[in-house]
Amino acid sequence: MISNDILAHARQCAPAESCGYVVRTARGIRYFPCENLSAEPTMYFRISPKEYLKALAAGEVVALVHSHPGGLPFLSSGDRTLQIQTALAWWLVCDEQIYKFRCVPHLTGRQFEHGVTDCYTLFRDAYHLAGIDLPDFHREDDWWDEGKNLYLDNLEENGFYQVHADKAQPGDVLICCFGSPTANHAAIYCGGGELLHHIPDQLSKRERYTDKWQRRTHSLWR
């Protein structure tokens, strides 16, 4: 199995970071281990362009793999920058587990398109990068005017529970009423009195959790 190959390579390379590619070939999915050329291989990884060309010649490169020996099971900010440049899924090996991160754009500066890059997309992508996968689903514009309550009907089902507003912690989800009496907007509480969210006709951004947004807040979820 490919997972066994990936884990074995990570063990072999430790305490240095392992690295390689997952390739879809004519014979199925294969793992192509690569040499870590970084000058600081216990902290970083670097793959020769020749290794990528070799993997590409074998089939479709579908993911880049590297490990965090003794590290954390999510991508660092440097990893995220490189992932966006590669436009690939990144698989991370940590503590004998493989964590799979699809390539998502930067969380700030996104154009708004309802159902494609909207407040739920941002919420879902932020949690994905933290290792928590949430379902995607079709949502028509103005669903809140059609008697639907998509956030409140689905949060608990996906493992969230409501907490008191004065207990807010970074990563909690603020469900707000934006231009409607129905709770129709999600924001991520970042701590320090800031939130991350995406509202129509604006780029996604971090901003102060002002009195205006506190008044719009319906509930807080964790």
C-alpha atoms as a PDB file:
ATOM      1  CA  MET A   1       0.000   0.000   0.000  1.00  0.00           C
ATOM      2  CA  ILE A   2       1.152   3.513  -0.775  1.00  0.00           C
ATOM      3  CA  SER A   3       0.602   4.615   2.828  1.00  0.00           C
ATOM      4  CA  ASN A   4       3.021   1.947   4.040  1.00  0.00           C
ATOM      5  CA  ASP A   5       5.639   3.174   1.560  1.00  0.00           C
ATOM      6  CA  ILE A   6       5.201   6.775   2.699  1.00  0.00           C
ATOM      7  CA  LEU A   7       5.417   5.915   6.403  1.00  0.00           C
ATOM      8  CA  ALA A   8       8.435   3.658   5.878  1.00  0.00           C
ATOM      9  CA  HIS A   9      10.266   6.420   4.017  1.00  0.00           C
ATOM     10  CA  ALA A  10       9.513   8.917   6.804  1.00  0.00           C
ATOM     11  CA  ARG A  11      10.887   6.507   9.417  1.00  0.00           C
ATOM     12  CA  GLN A  12      13.984   5.911   7.303  1.00  0.00           C
ATOM     13  CA  CYS A  13      14.690   9.650   6.964  1.00  0.00           C
ATOM     14  CA  ALA A  14      14.022  10.709  10.573  1.00  0.00           C
ATOM     15  CA  PRO A  15      15.106  12.917  12.246  1.00  0.00           C
ATOM     16  CA  ALA A  16      15.325  14.647   8.853  1.00  0.00           C
ATOM     17  CA  GLU A  17      12.143  15.478   6.977  1.00  0.00           C
ATOM     18  CA  SER A  18      11.193  13.016   4.271  1.00  0.00           C
ATOM     19  CA  CYS A  19       9.794  14.219   0.953  1.00  0.00           C
ATOM     20  CA  GLY A  20       8.376  12.758  -2.230  1.00  0.00           C
ATOM     21  CA  TYR A  21       5.502  12.730  -4.676  1.00  0.00           C
ATOM     22  CA  VAL A  22       2.292  10.753  -5.068  1.00  0.00           C
ATOM     23  CA  VAL A  23       1.839   9.910  -8.743  1.00  0.00           C
ATOM     24  CA  ARG A  24      -1.106   8.398 -10.614  1.00  0.00           C
ATOM     25  CA  THR A  25       0.505   6.013 -13.113  1.00  0.00           C
ATOM     26  CA  ALA A  26      -0.861   3.539 -15.642  1.00  0.00           C
ATOM     27  CA  ARG A  27      -0.389   0.867 -12.969  1.00  0.00           C
ATOM     28  CA  GLY A  28      -2.085   2.802 -10.199  1.00  0.00           C
ATOM     29  CA  ILE A  29      -1.111   5.264  -7.476  1.00  0.00           C
ATOM     30  CA  ARG A  30       2.584   5.140  -6.548  1.00  0.00           C
ATOM     31  CA  TYR A  31       4.852   6.937  -4.110  1.00  0.00           C
ATOM     32  CA  PHE A  32       8.086   8.387  -5.482  1.00  0.00           C
ATOM     33  CA  PRO A  33      10.487   9.069  -2.573  1.00  0.00           C
ATOM     34  CA  CYS A  34      12.893  11.975  -3.104  1.00  0.00           C
ATOM     35  CA  GLU A  35      16.139  13.070  -1.506  1.00  0.00           C
ATOM     36  CA  ASN A  36      15.883  16.013   0.878  1.00  0.00           C
ATOM     37  CA  LEU A  37      18.510  18.488  -0.341  1.00  0.00           C
ATOM     38  CA  SER A  38      17.887  21.122   2.338  1.00  0.00           C
ATOM     39  CA  ALA A  39      20.914  22.460   4.211  1.00  0.00           C
ATOM     40  CA  GLU A  40      18.786  22.047   7.360  1.00  0.00           C
ATOM     41  CA  PRO A  41      16.939  18.778   6.675  1.00  0.00           C
ATOM     42  CA  THR A  42      15.592  18.411  10.211  1.00  0.00           C
ATOM     43  CA  MET A  43      13.726  21.707   9.779  1.00  0.00           C
ATOM     44  CA  TYR A  44      13.010  22.008   6.061  1.00  0.00           C
ATOM     45  CA  PHE A  45      12.934  20.061   2.826  1.00  0.00           C
ATOM     46  CA  ARG A  46      14.009  20.803  -0.721  1.00  0.00           C
ATOM     47  CA  ILE A  47      13.465  18.594  -3.759  1.00  0.00           C
ATOM     48  CA  SER A  48      15.532  18.722  -6.936  1.00  0.00           C
ATOM     49  CA  PRO A  49      13.538  19.820 -10.018  1.00  0.00           C
ATOM     50  CA  LYS A  50      14.884  16.689 -11.699  1.00  0.00           C
ATOM     51  CA  GLU A  51      12.964  14.575  -9.170  1.00  0.00           C
ATOM     52  CA  TYR A  52       9.739  16.362 -10.096  1.00  0.00           C
ATOM     53  CA  LEU A  53      10.367  15.811 -13.808  1.00  0.00           C
ATOM     54  CA  LYS A  54      11.012  12.133 -13.126  1.00  0.00           C
ATOM     55  CA  ALA A  55       7.696  11.846 -11.246  1.00  0.00           C
ATOM     56  CA  LEU A  56       5.898  13.795 -13.970  1.00  0.00           C
ATOM     57  CA  ALA A  57       7.260  11.463 -16.637  1.00  0.00           C
ATOM     58  CA  ALA A  58       5.692   8.525 -14.787  1.00  0.00           C
ATOM     59  CA  GLY A  59       2.178   9.959 -14.702  1.00  0.00           C
ATOM     60  CA  GLU A  60       0.056  12.642 -13.049  1.00  0.00           C
ATOM     61  CA  VAL A  61       1.574  14.160  -9.904  1.00  0.00           C
ATOM     62  CA  VAL A  62      -1.355  14.397  -7.484  1.00  0.00           C
ATOM     63  CA  ALA A  63       0.324  15.258  -4.178  1.00  0.00           C
ATOM     64  CA  LEU A  64       3.561  16.326  -2.559  1.00  0.00           C
ATOM     65  CA  VAL A  65       4.521  14.480   0.627  1.00  0.00           C
ATOM     66  CA  HIS A  66       6.792  15.548   3.462  1.00  0.00           C
ATOM     67  CA  SER A  67       7.135  14.774   7.153  1.00  0.00           C
ATOM     68  CA  HIS A  68       7.312  16.673  10.423  1.00  0.00           C
ATOM     69  CA  PRO A  69       9.394  14.381  12.674  1.00  0.00           C
ATOM     70  CA  GLY A  70       8.447  15.310  16.221  1.00  0.00           C
ATOM     71  CA  GLY A  71       6.533  18.298  14.868  1.00  0.00           C
ATOM     72  CA  LEU A  72       2.926  19.349  14.527  1.00  0.00           C
ATOM     73  CA  PRO A  73       0.307  17.665  12.304  1.00  0.00           C
ATOM     74  CA  PHE A  74      -0.520  20.693  10.188  1.00  0.00           C
ATOM     75  CA  LEU A  75       1.201  22.768   7.531  1.00  0.00           C
ATOM     76  CA  SER A  76       3.433  25.646   8.611  1.00  0.00           C
ATOM     77  CA  SER A  77       3.000  29.098   7.090  1.00  0.00           C
ATOM     78  CA  GLY A  78       6.023  28.369   4.897  1.00  0.00           C
ATOM     79  CA  ASP A  79       4.464  25.078   3.826  1.00  0.00           C
ATOM     80  CA  ARG A  80       1.239  26.874   2.908  1.00  0.00           C
ATOM     81  CA  THR A  81       3.064  29.417   0.756  1.00  0.00           C
ATOM     82  CA  LEU A  82       4.862  26.662  -1.122  1.00  0.00           C
ATOM     83  CA  GLN A  83       1.713  24.576  -1.441  1.00  0.00           C
ATOM     84  CA  ILE A  84      -0.113  27.403  -3.173  1.00  0.00           C
ATOM     85  CA  GLN A  85       2.831  27.795  -5.551  1.00  0.00           C
ATOM     86  CA  THR A  86       2.738  24.084  -6.423  1.00  0.00           C
ATOM     87  CA  ALA A  87      -1.089  23.977  -6.706  1.00  0.00           C
ATOM     88  CA  LEU A  88      -0.959  20.421  -5.349  1.00  0.00           C
ATOM     89  CA  ALA A  89      -2.496  18.584  -2.450  1.00  0.00           C
ATOM     90  CA  TRP A  90       0.114  18.190   0.298  1.00  0.00           C
ATOM     91  CA  TRP A  91       0.281  15.088   2.448  1.00  0.00           C
ATOM     92  CA  LEU A  92       1.968  15.447   5.806  1.00  0.00           C
ATOM     93  CA  VAL A  93       3.460  12.590   7.834  1.00  0.00           C
ATOM     94  CA  CYS A  94       3.455  13.127  11.593  1.00  0.00           C
ATOM     95  CA  ASP A  95       3.319  10.605  14.452  1.00  0.00           C
ATOM     96  CA  GLU A  96       2.858   7.668  12.072  1.00  0.00           C
ATOM     97  CA  GLN A  97      -0.216   9.284  10.519  1.00  0.00           C
ATOM     98  CA  ILE A  98      -0.738  10.815   7.077  1.00  0.00           C
ATOM     99  CA  TYR A  99      -2.687  14.080   7.020  1.00  0.00           C
ATOM    100  CA  LYS A 100      -3.993  15.192   3.629  1.00  0.00           C
ATOM    101  CA  PHE A 101      -4.416  18.879   2.845  1.00  0.00           C
ATOM    102  CA  ARG A 102      -6.066  19.971  -0.384  1.00  0.00           C
ATOM    103  CA  CYS A 103      -4.669  23.144  -1.920  1.00  0.00           C
ATOM    104  CA  VAL A 104      -6.773  26.103  -0.859  1.00  0.00           C
ATOM    105  CA  PRO A 105      -6.068  29.766  -1.670  1.00  0.00           C
ATOM    106  CA  HIS A 106      -4.894  32.289   0.906  1.00  0.00           C
ATOM    107  CA  LEU A 107      -7.602  32.939   3.465  1.00  0.00           C
ATOM    108  CA  THR A 108      -7.447  36.710   3.016  1.00  0.00           C
ATOM    109  CA  GLY A 109      -7.845  38.671  -0.204  1.00  0.00           C
ATOM    110  CA  ARG A 110     -10.366  36.338  -1.878  1.00  0.00           C
ATOM    111  CA  GLN A 111     -12.999  37.591  -4.309  1.00  0.00           C
ATOM    112  CA  PHE A 112     -16.566  36.866  -3.189  1.00  0.00           C
ATOM    113  CA  GLU A 113     -18.741  34.491  -5.199  1.00  0.00           C
ATOM    114  CA  HIS A 114     -21.698  32.972  -3.392  1.00  0.00           C
ATOM    115  CA  GLY A 115     -21.491  29.195  -3.148  1.00  0.00           C
ATOM    116  CA  VAL A 116     -17.918  29.163  -4.486  1.00  0.00           C
ATOM    117  CA  THR A 117     -15.828  31.548  -2.397  1.00  0.00           C
ATOM    118  CA  ASP A 118     -18.126  32.839   0.302  1.00  0.00           C
ATOM    119  CA  CYS A 119     -18.194  32.930   4.091  1.00  0.00           C
ATOM    120  CA  TYR A 120     -18.807  29.189   4.379  1.00  0.00           C
ATOM    121  CA  THR A 121     -15.960  28.398   1.972  1.00  0.00           C
ATOM    122  CA  LEU A 122     -13.616  30.461   4.142  1.00  0.00           C
ATOM    123  CA  PHE A 123     -14.885  28.776   7.315  1.00  0.00           C
ATOM    124  CA  ARG A 124     -14.501  25.327   5.742  1.00  0.00           C
ATOM    125  CA  ASP A 125     -11.021  26.033   4.344  1.00  0.00           C
ATOM    126  CA  ALA A 126      -9.738  27.478   7.624  1.00  0.00           C
ATOM    127  CA  TYR A 127     -10.867  24.389   9.508  1.00  0.00           C
ATOM    128  CA  HIS A 128      -9.415  22.106   6.824  1.00  0.00           C
ATOM    129  CA  LEU A 129      -6.005  23.701   7.346  1.00  0.00           C
ATOM    130  CA  ALA A 130      -6.391  22.977  11.059  1.00  0.00           C
ATOM    131  CA  GLY A 131      -7.006  19.305  10.251  1.00  0.00           C
ATOM    132  CA  ILE A 132     -10.810  19.313  10.503  1.00  0.00           C
ATOM    133  CA  ASP A 133     -12.791  18.453   7.367  1.00  0.00           C
ATOM    134  CA  LEU A 134     -16.300  19.825   6.919  1.00  0.00           C
ATOM    135  CA  PRO A 135     -18.684  18.884   4.097  1.00  0.00           C
ATOM    136  CA  ASP A 136     -19.293  21.128   1.135  1.00  0.00           C
ATOM    137  CA  PHE A 137     -22.848  21.483  -0.099  1.00  0.00           C
ATOM    138  CA  HIS A 138     -24.861  23.362  -2.698  1.00  0.00           C
ATOM    139  CA  ARG A 139     -26.348  26.581  -1.363  1.00  0.00           C
ATOM    140  CA  GLU A 140     -28.446  28.977  -3.376  1.00  0.00           C
ATOM    141  CA  ASP A 141     -28.074  32.701  -2.917  1.00  0.00           C
ATOM    142  CA  ASP A 142     -30.561  34.219  -0.461  1.00  0.00           C
ATOM    143  CA  TRP A 143     -31.330  30.818   1.086  1.00  0.00           C
ATOM    144  CA  TRP A 144     -31.974  32.693   4.337  1.00  0.00           C
ATOM    145  CA  ASP A 145     -34.989  34.374   2.699  1.00  0.00           C
ATOM    146  CA  GLU A 146     -36.445  30.995   1.689  1.00  0.00           C
ATOM    147  CA  GLY A 147     -37.109  29.688   5.192  1.00  0.00           C
ATOM    148  CA  LYS A 148     -33.797  27.806   5.412  1.00  0.00           C
ATOM    149  CA  ASN A 149     -31.324  27.921   8.295  1.00  0.00           C
ATOM    150  CA  LEU A 150     -28.245  26.186   6.915  1.00  0.00           C
ATOM    151  CA  TYR A 151     -25.802  27.125   9.659  1.00  0.00           C
ATOM    152  CA  LEU A 152     -27.923  26.403  12.707  1.00  0.00           C
ATOM    153  CA  ASP A 153     -29.285  23.200  11.157  1.00  0.00           C
ATOM    154  CA  ASN A 154     -25.828  21.762  10.436  1.00  0.00           C
ATOM    155  CA  LEU A 155     -23.331  22.942  13.047  1.00  0.00           C
ATOM    156  CA  GLU A 156     -24.252  20.483  15.786  1.00  0.00           C
ATOM    157  CA  GLU A 157     -24.492  17.656  13.262  1.00  0.00           C
ATOM    158  CA  ASN A 158     -20.864  18.329  12.340  1.00  0.00           C
ATOM    159  CA  GLY A 159     -19.543  18.239  15.888  1.00  0.00           C
ATOM    160  CA  PHE A 160     -19.891  21.859  16.992  1.00  0.00           C
ATOM    161  CA  TYR A 161     -21.476  22.962  20.233  1.00  0.00           C
ATOM    162  CA  GLN A 162     -22.601  26.368  21.388  1.00  0.00           C
ATOM    163  CA  VAL A 163     -20.591  28.324  23.974  1.00  0.00           C
ATOM    164  CA  HIS A 164     -21.232  31.607  25.756  1.00  0.00           C
ATOM    165  CA  ALA A 165     -20.028  34.693  23.914  1.00  0.00           C
ATOM    166  CA  ASP A 166     -17.727  35.790  26.751  1.00  0.00           C
ATOM    167  CA  LYS A 167     -15.863  32.449  26.532  1.00  0.00           C
ATOM    168  CA  ALA A 168     -14.632  33.038  22.968  1.00  0.00           C
ATOM    169  CA  GLN A 169     -11.332  31.391  22.027  1.00  0.00           C
ATOM    170  CA  PRO A 170      -9.278  31.633  18.811  1.00  0.00           C
ATOM    171  CA  GLY A 171     -10.776  29.290  16.224  1.00  0.00           C
ATOM    172  CA  ASP A 172     -14.346  29.557  17.475  1.00  0.00           C
ATOM    173  CA  VAL A 173     -17.060  30.254  14.908  1.00  0.00           C
ATOM    174  CA  LEU A 174     -19.246  33.326  15.117  1.00  0.00           C
ATOM    175  CA  ILE A 175     -22.635  32.900  13.452  1.00  0.00           C
ATOM    176  CA  CYS A 176     -24.067  36.294  12.571  1.00  0.00           C
ATOM    177  CA  CYS A 177     -27.195  37.867  11.127  1.00  0.00           C
ATOM    178  CA  PHE A 178     -26.009  39.935   8.164  1.00  0.00           C
ATOM    179  CA  GLY A 179     -28.760  41.982   6.538  1.00  0.00           C
ATOM    180  CA  SER A 180     -31.328  39.442   7.719  1.00  0.00           C
ATOM    181  CA  PRO A 181     -32.998  38.258  10.948  1.00  0.00           C
ATOM    182  CA  THR A 182     -31.803  34.751   9.997  1.00  0.00           C
ATOM    183  CA  ALA A 183     -28.320  33.633  11.059  1.00  0.00           C
ATOM    184  CA  ASN A 184     -26.689  33.598   7.616  1.00  0.00           C
ATOM    185  CA  HIS A 185     -23.005  34.495   8.045  1.00  0.00           C
ATOM    186  CA  ALA A 186     -19.997  32.723   9.556  1.00  0.00           C
ATOM    187  CA  ALA A 187     -16.786  34.287  10.847  1.00  0.00           C
ATOM    188  CA  ILE A 188     -13.753  32.810  12.587  1.00  0.00           C
ATOM    189  CA  TYR A 189     -12.754  34.427  15.874  1.00  0.00           C
ATOM    190  CA  CYS A 190      -8.983  35.006  15.717  1.00  0.00           C
ATOM    191  CA  GLY A 191      -8.426  36.219  19.271  1.00  0.00           C
ATOM    192  CA  GLY A 192      -7.259  39.671  20.271  1.00  0.00           C
ATOM    193  CA  GLY A 193     -10.599  41.152  19.312  1.00  0.00           C
ATOM    194  CA  GLU A 194     -10.294  40.203  15.628  1.00  0.00           C
ATOM    195  CA  LEU A 195     -12.332  38.053  13.273  1.00  0.00           C
ATOM    196  CA  LEU A 196     -11.711  36.525   9.841  1.00  0.00           C
ATOM    197  CA  HIS A 197     -14.613  36.478   7.410  1.00  0.00           C
ATOM    198  CA  HIS A 198     -15.884  37.110   3.895  1.00  0.00           C
ATOM    199  CA  ILE A 199     -18.874  39.297   3.171  1.00  0.00           C
ATOM    200  CA  PRO A 200     -20.481  40.042  -0.225  1.00  0.00           C
ATOM    201  CA  ASP A 201     -18.801  42.595  -2.513  1.00  0.00           C
ATOM    202  CA  GLN A 202     -15.641  42.623  -0.405  1.00  0.00           C
ATOM    203  CA  LEU A 203     -12.398  40.669  -0.223  1.00  0.00           C
ATOM    204  CA  SER A 204     -12.039  38.182   2.616  1.00  0.00           C
ATOM    205  CA  LYS A 205     -10.217  39.857   5.488  1.00  0.00           C
ATOM    206  CA  ARG A 206      -9.369  40.107   9.151  1.00  0.00           C
ATOM    207  CA  GLU A 207     -10.975  43.000  10.961  1.00  0.00           C
ATOM    208  CA  ARG A 208     -11.820  44.179  14.448  1.00  0.00           C
ATOM    209  CA  TYR A 209     -14.701  42.468  16.203  1.00  0.00           C
ATOM    210  CA  THR A 210     -16.432  45.782  16.729  1.00  0.00           C
ATOM    211  CA  ASP A 211     -19.663  46.586  18.531  1.00  0.00           C
ATOM    212  CA  LYS A 212     -21.378  46.442  15.136  1.00  0.00           C
ATOM    213  CA  TRP A 213     -20.360  42.818  14.634  1.00  0.00           C
ATOM    214  CA  GLN A 214     -21.055  41.939  18.240  1.00  0.00           C
ATOM    215  CA  ARG A 215     -24.625  43.166  17.782  1.00  0.00           C
ATOM    216  CA  ARG A 216     -24.932  41.051  14.640  1.00  0.00           C
ATOM    217  CA  THR A 217     -23.659  37.916  16.386  1.00  0.00           C
ATOM    218  CA  HIS A 218     -26.351  35.299  16.872  1.00  0.00           C
ATOM    219  CA  SER A 219     -24.239  32.636  18.612  1.00  0.00           C
ATOM    220  CA  LEU A 220     -20.729  31.316  19.187  1.00  0.00           C
ATOM    221  CA  TRP A 221     -19.734  27.730  18.357  1.00  0.00           C
ATOM    222  CA  ARG A 222     -16.728  25.525  19.037  1.00  0.00           C
END
